[in-house]
Amino acid sequence: MKTNMKFGIGALLTAMLLLSTVFVPAVSAEQSDVGILSVDLNGGYLTVDEGAGTVVVAKAWDASPDISAGTPVRIAIYYNYIDTNAYVGGSVQFKLTAPDGGIATKDITDNLYINDNTDGYLYRTFTANPGQTYYFTISASRTGVPSAQDTGKITPI
């Protein structure tokens, strides 16, 4: 029974990882309004899943974009909250702390008998230079459940 549950949770997390890679390109470049080339990075994902016990996951990825000095880099973190009413009340928080100290959060209140499922992205932009290493931190937490945290590394070339 435990083996089947572990396999099921593993399969679910693998499927969520594959889905998250579909929604945000690994590295893309776009022209902003002021004419400065900016780079978007898929920095990882955050999940709180109340199915089969509450699972809290934070997975940050490392990246080495090829950029010019002073390039704005936007980190995108996919978040997903799956509410099955296994726990009622409390709150869920997803958080991204960028290398420059900037913070993006998504706070969700878990309401009784209401499906609070939600997903989306956290974004933070900072200025990067080749030859330096930058670290960002992501975390997911659920009231009454151990939280998860991971650190990603950006090393522009």
Foldseek 3Di string as FASTA:
>chain_A
DVVVLVVVVVVVVVVVQVVVCVPDPQKDWDQDPVRAIAIEHAFEEWEWAPPPHTDTDTDGEEEAAADAAFHKYKYKYKYWYFDPPNDAWFKKKKWKQWQVRDIWMDIFTGHPPDGRIDIDITMDIDTDHAPDKGKMKIKMDTPPDDIDMDMYMYHYD
